[in-house]
Amino acid sequence: MLGPQNQSTSLQRLNHAEKMIVHALELSGLAMDELANSTGPRTDVLDGHCGEFMQSMKEIQTTLREEIKSACDYRPFEKCDYGARISNEICCQKLEYIAEKLDRMKKTIVQFNDDANLTS
């Protein structure tokens, strides 16, 4: 189960992934600028931007995959006893209702017997 410390770590990793996405977009912009260069693209610079872009994509994919897997593994209500407690409480209320009805029936029977004894 994730505690507050793990949640902040997860948030930090997602924040880092967001920054990597922004960096990847910047790299793609630099590559586009290089392709649009009036003197023609410099192959070494373009290769560097593209290589760094691909590495960033790999890191982003790995980070997001791990975070998604972690989120899927996290089940905050897995050990929760709320359902059992509510079910138990409903059963108790039903028993109280039945006991109340049985008491009324007993009183009615006793009253009927008393009335029958008085008339005999």
N, C-alpha and C. Protein backbone atom coordinates (compact mmCIF):
# COMPACT_ATOMS: atom_id res chain seq x y z
N MET A 1 0.85 -1.18 0.00
CA MET A 1 0.00 0.00 0.00
C MET A 1 0.89 1.24 0.00
N LEU A 2 0.51 2.21 -0.73
CA LEU A 2 1.30 3.43 -0.83
C LEU A 2 1.04 4.33 0.36
N GLY A 3 2.12 4.75 0.98
CA GLY A 3 1.99 5.71 2.07
C GLY A 3 2.24 7.10 1.54
N PRO A 4 2.16 8.11 2.42
CA PRO A 4 2.38 9.48 1.99
C PRO A 4 3.76 9.67 1.35
N GLN A 5 4.77 8.97 1.88
CA GLN A 5 6.12 9.14 1.34
C GLN A 5 6.18 8.59 -0.09
N ASN A 6 5.58 7.41 -0.32
CA ASN A 6 5.59 6.82 -1.65
C ASN A 6 4.77 7.66 -2.63
N GLN A 7 3.69 8.27 -2.15
CA GLN A 7 2.87 9.11 -3.01
C GLN A 7 3.68 10.31 -3.48
N SER A 8 4.42 10.94 -2.57
CA SER A 8 5.21 12.10 -2.98
C SER A 8 6.31 11.65 -3.93
N THR A 9 6.88 10.48 -3.72
CA THR A 9 7.89 9.96 -4.62
C THR A 9 7.28 9.73 -5.99
N SER A 10 6.08 9.19 -6.03
CA SER A 10 5.38 8.97 -7.29
C SER A 10 5.10 10.30 -7.98
N LEU A 11 4.65 11.27 -7.22
CA LEU A 11 4.39 12.59 -7.78
C LEU A 11 5.67 13.22 -8.32
N GLN A 12 6.76 13.00 -7.61
CA GLN A 12 8.04 13.54 -8.07
C GLN A 12 8.46 12.87 -9.38
N ARG A 13 8.24 11.55 -9.48
CA ARG A 13 8.60 10.85 -10.71
C ARG A 13 7.73 11.33 -11.87
N LEU A 14 6.44 11.55 -11.61
CA LEU A 14 5.56 12.05 -12.67
C LEU A 14 5.94 13.47 -13.06
N ASN A 15 6.32 14.28 -12.09
CA ASN A 15 6.78 15.63 -12.39
C ASN A 15 8.05 15.59 -13.24
N HIS A 16 8.94 14.66 -12.91
CA HIS A 16 10.16 14.50 -13.70
C HIS A 16 9.81 14.06 -15.12
N ALA A 17 8.85 13.15 -15.26
CA ALA A 17 8.41 12.70 -16.59
C ALA A 17 7.85 13.87 -17.39
N GLU A 18 7.10 14.74 -16.72
CA GLU A 18 6.55 15.92 -17.39
C GLU A 18 7.68 16.81 -17.91
N LYS A 19 8.69 16.99 -17.09
CA LYS A 19 9.84 17.81 -17.51
C LYS A 19 10.58 17.15 -18.68
N MET A 20 10.65 15.81 -18.67
CA MET A 20 11.30 15.10 -19.79
C MET A 20 10.49 15.27 -21.08
N ILE A 21 9.17 15.30 -20.96
CA ILE A 21 8.31 15.52 -22.14
C ILE A 21 8.56 16.91 -22.72
N VAL A 22 8.62 17.90 -21.84
CA VAL A 22 8.89 19.27 -22.29
C VAL A 22 10.26 19.33 -22.98
N HIS A 23 11.25 18.66 -22.38
CA HIS A 23 12.59 18.64 -22.96
C HIS A 23 12.57 17.96 -24.34
N ALA A 24 11.81 16.87 -24.46
CA ALA A 24 11.71 16.17 -25.74
C ALA A 24 11.08 17.07 -26.80
N LEU A 25 10.08 17.84 -26.40
CA LEU A 25 9.48 18.78 -27.34
C LEU A 25 10.48 19.85 -27.77
N GLU A 26 11.27 20.30 -26.82
CA GLU A 26 12.31 21.28 -27.16
C GLU A 26 13.32 20.68 -28.14
N LEU A 27 13.69 19.43 -27.91
CA LEU A 27 14.63 18.75 -28.81
C LEU A 27 14.05 18.61 -30.21
N SER A 28 12.76 18.28 -30.28
CA SER A 28 12.15 18.16 -31.60
C SER A 28 12.11 19.52 -32.30
N GLY A 29 11.88 20.58 -31.54
CA GLY A 29 11.93 21.93 -32.10
C GLY A 29 13.31 22.29 -32.62
N LEU A 30 14.34 21.91 -31.85
CA LEU A 30 15.73 22.17 -32.28
C LEU A 30 16.05 21.39 -33.55
N ALA A 31 15.55 20.14 -33.63
CA ALA A 31 15.78 19.34 -34.82
C ALA A 31 15.09 19.97 -36.03
N MET A 32 13.87 20.46 -35.82
CA MET A 32 13.15 21.11 -36.91
C MET A 32 13.88 22.38 -37.36
N ASP A 33 14.38 23.14 -36.40
CA ASP A 33 15.16 24.34 -36.73
C ASP A 33 16.40 23.97 -37.56
N GLU A 34 17.02 22.89 -37.16
CA GLU A 34 18.22 22.45 -37.87
C GLU A 34 17.87 22.01 -39.30
N LEU A 35 16.73 21.34 -39.43
CA LEU A 35 16.30 20.93 -40.78
C LEU A 35 15.95 22.14 -41.65
N ALA A 36 15.47 23.20 -41.01
CA ALA A 36 15.08 24.41 -41.75
C ALA A 36 16.25 25.36 -41.97
N ASN A 37 17.42 24.99 -41.53
CA ASN A 37 18.61 25.85 -41.67
C ASN A 37 18.84 26.15 -43.16
N SER A 38 19.04 27.42 -43.46
CA SER A 38 19.19 27.85 -44.85
C SER A 38 20.44 27.26 -45.52
N THR A 39 21.45 26.94 -44.74
CA THR A 39 22.67 26.36 -45.31
C THR A 39 22.61 24.84 -45.33
N GLY A 40 21.48 24.30 -44.89
CA GLY A 40 21.32 22.85 -44.85
C GLY A 40 21.59 22.33 -43.44
N PRO A 41 21.00 21.22 -43.11
CA PRO A 41 21.16 20.69 -41.75
C PRO A 41 22.57 20.13 -41.53
N ARG A 42 23.06 20.40 -40.32
CA ARG A 42 24.35 19.81 -39.92
C ARG A 42 24.05 18.42 -39.37
N THR A 43 24.57 17.43 -40.02
CA THR A 43 24.24 16.03 -39.71
C THR A 43 24.58 15.67 -38.27
N ASP A 44 25.74 16.11 -37.80
CA ASP A 44 26.15 15.76 -36.44
C ASP A 44 25.22 16.38 -35.39
N VAL A 45 24.80 17.63 -35.62
CA VAL A 45 23.88 18.31 -34.69
C VAL A 45 22.51 17.64 -34.73
N LEU A 46 22.05 17.34 -35.94
CA LEU A 46 20.75 16.69 -36.11
C LEU A 46 20.76 15.30 -35.47
N ASP A 47 21.83 14.55 -35.67
CA ASP A 47 21.96 13.22 -35.06
C ASP A 47 21.94 13.33 -33.54
N GLY A 48 22.61 14.35 -33.02
CA GLY A 48 22.64 14.55 -31.56
C GLY A 48 21.26 14.83 -31.01
N HIS A 49 20.52 15.73 -31.66
CA HIS A 49 19.15 16.06 -31.21
C HIS A 49 18.24 14.83 -31.30
N CYS A 50 18.34 14.12 -32.43
CA CYS A 50 17.48 12.95 -32.62
C CYS A 50 17.82 11.84 -31.63
N GLY A 51 19.10 11.63 -31.39
CA GLY A 51 19.51 10.61 -30.42
C GLY A 51 19.03 10.93 -29.02
N GLU A 52 19.19 12.19 -28.63
CA GLU A 52 18.74 12.61 -27.30
C GLU A 52 17.21 12.54 -27.20
N PHE A 53 16.52 12.88 -28.30
CA PHE A 53 15.06 12.78 -28.34
C PHE A 53 14.62 11.33 -28.12
N MET A 54 15.25 10.41 -28.83
CA MET A 54 14.88 9.00 -28.71
C MET A 54 15.17 8.47 -27.30
N GLN A 55 16.28 8.89 -26.71
CA GLN A 55 16.60 8.49 -25.35
C GLN A 55 15.57 9.05 -24.37
N SER A 56 15.16 10.29 -24.58
CA SER A 56 14.13 10.90 -23.73
C SER A 56 12.81 10.13 -23.85
N MET A 57 12.45 9.76 -25.07
CA MET A 57 11.20 9.01 -25.28
C MET A 57 11.25 7.67 -24.54
N LYS A 58 12.39 7.03 -24.58
CA LYS A 58 12.56 5.74 -23.90
C LYS A 58 12.40 5.92 -22.39
N GLU A 59 13.04 6.94 -21.82
CA GLU A 59 12.94 7.22 -20.39
C GLU A 59 11.51 7.58 -19.99
N ILE A 60 10.85 8.38 -20.81
CA ILE A 60 9.46 8.77 -20.53
C ILE A 60 8.57 7.53 -20.52
N GLN A 61 8.73 6.70 -21.54
CA GLN A 61 7.92 5.50 -21.65
C GLN A 61 8.13 4.58 -20.44
N THR A 62 9.38 4.40 -20.06
CA THR A 62 9.69 3.53 -18.90
C THR A 62 9.09 4.10 -17.63
N THR A 63 9.27 5.39 -17.41
CA THR A 63 8.75 6.03 -16.20
C THR A 63 7.24 5.93 -16.14
N LEU A 64 6.56 6.25 -17.24
CA LEU A 64 5.10 6.20 -17.24
C LEU A 64 4.58 4.78 -17.10
N ARG A 65 5.25 3.82 -17.72
CA ARG A 65 4.85 2.41 -17.58
C ARG A 65 4.94 1.97 -16.12
N GLU A 66 6.03 2.34 -15.46
CA GLU A 66 6.20 1.97 -14.04
C GLU A 66 5.15 2.64 -13.16
N GLU A 67 4.84 3.90 -13.45
CA GLU A 67 3.84 4.62 -12.65
C GLU A 67 2.44 4.04 -12.87
N ILE A 68 2.12 3.67 -14.10
CA ILE A 68 0.82 3.06 -14.38
C ILE A 68 0.72 1.71 -13.68
N LYS A 69 1.79 0.92 -13.76
CA LYS A 69 1.80 -0.38 -13.08
C LYS A 69 1.64 -0.20 -11.58
N SER A 70 2.34 0.77 -11.03
CA SER A 70 2.26 1.05 -9.60
C SER A 70 0.84 1.48 -9.21
N ALA A 71 0.22 2.31 -10.04
CA ALA A 71 -1.14 2.77 -9.75
C ALA A 71 -2.12 1.61 -9.83
N CYS A 72 -1.90 0.67 -10.75
CA CYS A 72 -2.79 -0.48 -10.88
C CYS A 72 -2.63 -1.43 -9.70
N ASP A 73 -1.42 -1.51 -9.14
CA ASP A 73 -1.18 -2.38 -7.99
C ASP A 73 -1.76 -1.81 -6.71
N TYR A 74 -1.95 -0.51 -6.69
CA TYR A 74 -2.43 0.17 -5.48
C TYR A 74 -3.93 -0.04 -5.33
N ARG A 75 -4.31 -0.70 -4.24
CA ARG A 75 -5.73 -0.96 -3.97
C ARG A 75 -6.04 -0.49 -2.55
N PRO A 76 -6.45 0.76 -2.41
CA PRO A 76 -6.62 1.33 -1.08
C PRO A 76 -7.71 0.67 -0.26
N PHE A 77 -8.72 0.06 -0.90
CA PHE A 77 -9.82 -0.51 -0.14
C PHE A 77 -9.75 -2.02 -0.07
N GLU A 78 -8.61 -2.58 -0.46
CA GLU A 78 -8.48 -4.03 -0.50
C GLU A 78 -8.71 -4.67 0.87
N LYS A 79 -8.19 -4.05 1.91
CA LYS A 79 -8.33 -4.63 3.25
C LYS A 79 -9.35 -3.88 4.08
N CYS A 80 -10.22 -3.16 3.43
CA CYS A 80 -11.23 -2.37 4.12
C CYS A 80 -12.36 -3.29 4.59
N ASP A 81 -12.82 -3.07 5.80
CA ASP A 81 -13.90 -3.90 6.35
C ASP A 81 -15.24 -3.17 6.35
N TYR A 82 -15.34 -2.10 5.57
CA TYR A 82 -16.56 -1.29 5.54
C TYR A 82 -17.77 -2.14 5.16
N GLY A 83 -17.66 -2.91 4.11
CA GLY A 83 -18.78 -3.74 3.65
C GLY A 83 -19.24 -4.70 4.73
N ALA A 84 -18.30 -5.35 5.37
CA ALA A 84 -18.65 -6.31 6.42
C ALA A 84 -19.29 -5.61 7.61
N ARG A 85 -18.77 -4.43 7.97
CA ARG A 85 -19.34 -3.70 9.10
C ARG A 85 -20.76 -3.24 8.80
N ILE A 86 -21.00 -2.74 7.60
CA ILE A 86 -22.35 -2.28 7.23
C ILE A 86 -23.30 -3.47 7.20
N SER A 87 -22.87 -4.57 6.62
CA SER A 87 -23.70 -5.78 6.58
C SER A 87 -24.05 -6.23 7.99
N ASN A 88 -23.07 -6.20 8.88
CA ASN A 88 -23.28 -6.59 10.27
C ASN A 88 -24.28 -5.64 10.94
N GLU A 89 -24.14 -4.36 10.68
CA GLU A 89 -25.04 -3.38 11.29
C GLU A 89 -26.48 -3.56 10.79
N ILE A 90 -26.63 -3.84 9.51
CA ILE A 90 -27.96 -4.09 8.95
C ILE A 90 -28.58 -5.33 9.58
N CYS A 91 -27.79 -6.37 9.76
CA CYS A 91 -28.28 -7.60 10.41
C CYS A 91 -28.72 -7.31 11.84
N CYS A 92 -27.96 -6.50 12.55
CA CYS A 92 -28.33 -6.14 13.93
C CYS A 92 -29.64 -5.38 13.95
N GLN A 93 -29.83 -4.46 13.01
CA GLN A 93 -31.08 -3.70 12.95
C GLN A 93 -32.26 -4.62 12.63
N LYS A 94 -32.04 -5.58 11.75
CA LYS A 94 -33.09 -6.55 11.42
C LYS A 94 -33.46 -7.38 12.66
N LEU A 95 -32.44 -7.81 13.41
CA LEU A 95 -32.70 -8.59 14.62
C LEU A 95 -33.46 -7.76 15.66
N GLU A 96 -33.10 -6.50 15.80
CA GLU A 96 -33.83 -5.62 16.73
C GLU A 96 -35.29 -5.48 16.31
N TYR A 97 -35.52 -5.35 15.02
CA TYR A 97 -36.88 -5.22 14.49
C TYR A 97 -37.68 -6.50 14.77
N ILE A 98 -37.06 -7.65 14.52
CA ILE A 98 -37.74 -8.94 14.77
C ILE A 98 -38.02 -9.12 16.25
N ALA A 99 -37.05 -8.78 17.11
CA ALA A 99 -37.25 -8.90 18.55
C ALA A 99 -38.40 -8.00 19.00
N GLU A 100 -38.49 -6.81 18.44
CA GLU A 100 -39.57 -5.88 18.77
C GLU A 100 -40.92 -6.48 18.37
N LYS A 101 -41.00 -7.05 17.18
CA LYS A 101 -42.24 -7.68 16.70
C LYS A 101 -42.62 -8.87 17.57
N LEU A 102 -41.63 -9.67 17.97
CA LEU A 102 -41.90 -10.82 18.82
C LEU A 102 -42.42 -10.38 20.20
N ASP A 103 -41.85 -9.29 20.73
CA ASP A 103 -42.34 -8.76 22.01
C ASP A 103 -43.79 -8.32 21.89
N ARG A 104 -44.15 -7.66 20.79
CA ARG A 104 -45.53 -7.24 20.59
C ARG A 104 -46.46 -8.44 20.47
N MET A 105 -45.98 -9.45 19.74
CA MET A 105 -46.79 -10.67 19.61
C MET A 105 -47.00 -11.33 20.96
N LYS A 106 -45.96 -11.38 21.78
CA LYS A 106 -46.05 -11.98 23.11
C LYS A 106 -47.05 -11.21 23.98
N LYS A 107 -46.97 -9.87 23.92
CA LYS A 107 -47.90 -9.05 24.69
C LYS A 107 -49.34 -9.29 24.23
N THR A 108 -49.53 -9.41 22.91
CA THR A 108 -50.86 -9.66 22.36
C THR A 108 -51.38 -11.01 22.84
N ILE A 109 -50.55 -12.03 22.84
CA ILE A 109 -50.96 -13.37 23.29
C ILE A 109 -51.30 -13.34 24.77
N VAL A 110 -50.44 -12.67 25.56
CA VAL A 110 -50.69 -12.58 27.00
C VAL A 110 -52.00 -11.84 27.24
N GLN A 111 -52.22 -10.75 26.53
CA GLN A 111 -53.46 -9.97 26.70
C GLN A 111 -54.67 -10.80 26.27
N PHE A 112 -54.54 -11.56 25.19
CA PHE A 112 -55.63 -12.40 24.72
C PHE A 112 -55.96 -13.47 25.77
N ASN A 113 -54.92 -14.08 26.33
CA ASN A 113 -55.14 -15.11 27.36
C ASN A 113 -55.78 -14.51 28.61
N ASP A 114 -55.32 -13.30 29.00
CA ASP A 114 -55.91 -12.64 30.16
C ASP A 114 -57.38 -12.32 29.90
N ASP A 115 -57.72 -11.84 28.71
CA ASP A 115 -59.10 -11.53 28.35
C ASP A 115 -59.94 -12.81 28.32
N ALA A 116 -59.37 -13.90 27.84
CA ALA A 116 -60.09 -15.17 27.77
C ALA A 116 -60.34 -15.71 29.16
N ASN A 117 -59.39 -15.55 30.08
CA ASN A 117 -59.56 -16.03 31.45
C ASN A 117 -60.61 -15.21 32.18
N LEU A 118 -60.71 -13.91 31.86
CA LEU A 118 -61.68 -13.05 32.52
C LEU A 118 -63.11 -13.39 32.07
N THR A 119 -63.26 -13.78 30.83
CA THR A 119 -64.61 -14.08 30.32
C THR A 119 -65.06 -15.48 30.68
N SER A 120 -64.16 -16.33 31.08
CA SER A 120 -64.59 -17.67 31.42
C SER A 120 -65.07 -17.81 32.84
